[in-house]
Amino acid sequence: MAVINNVFYIIMLITALVLAVVFTIKRSNHADETGLLLKTMASIAFIFLGIVSFRGSAGAKTVFAIPGLIMGLTGDIYLDMKFVYPKSDTIYTFTGFGAFILGHIFYFIFLVRQYGLFGTGLIVALIVGIIAGIGIYLTPGLMKLDYGMFRVISSLYAALLVFITVYAGSLCFSAFTTAKLLFFIGIVLFLISDLILSQIYFGNDRNTPAAAISNHATYYLGQIFIAASIFWI
């Protein structure tokens, strides 16, 4: 049984990586319905990787990372619709933000249910997250970004993402395991991806092929690391 689980894990890991590369190449050239389909396939792949990882894990106590991955698929599709259907970009952007916020809440629940509540790490993560959210809200001009009506939700989302990242790091370095390290790497890549995405979404003339490639490469690698980490618990 362990051999079968290992084989399925490797197959899904390779599949997720290949689809992520194919989509990233496609999306760097043009945003259209074909790219949206490839994005959906790439996202479904990392969800299945998470499911296979959970089934193959010897110590996973909770499935809450899986709905987190599903919310990633949902949010990513809605955010990409901004470029495919620009006339309806407002509702798609708010919905995408909402899905990612819910996804990170699921990730936090996963960490707490799996590893317990680390009080010191929680306090540090809360402080850093709040500072990051306030900083994002107060300094859009410094970063040459125009959030417009998305300023509040962008700040709240940034605070949550930084909070999860710092908390995952505190768990990893307080009691190191391979699973915690992979999750931490994944969420750091997720954070980098969103920093790039903020430039694409809210900066002037920054939606370049290089930015699109960097954004999607770090995002999909991040989700794949998170999904793959479950196997090592």
Foldseek 3Di string as FASTA:
>chain_A
DLVVLVVVLVVLLVVLVVLLVVLLVVVLVAQEPVSLVSLLVSLVSLLVSLVSLQVNAPQQDDSLLNLLSVLQSQLVSLCSVCRHPVVPNPVSNVSSLVSNLVSLVSVVVSCCVRPNDDVVLQVVLQVVLLVQLVCQLPPCVVVQFDCDVCSNSVSNSSSSLSSSLSSLVCVCVVDNDQLSVLLNQLSVLLNVLVVLVRCVPTHPPSSHSVSSSSNSVSNSSSSNSNSNSSNRD
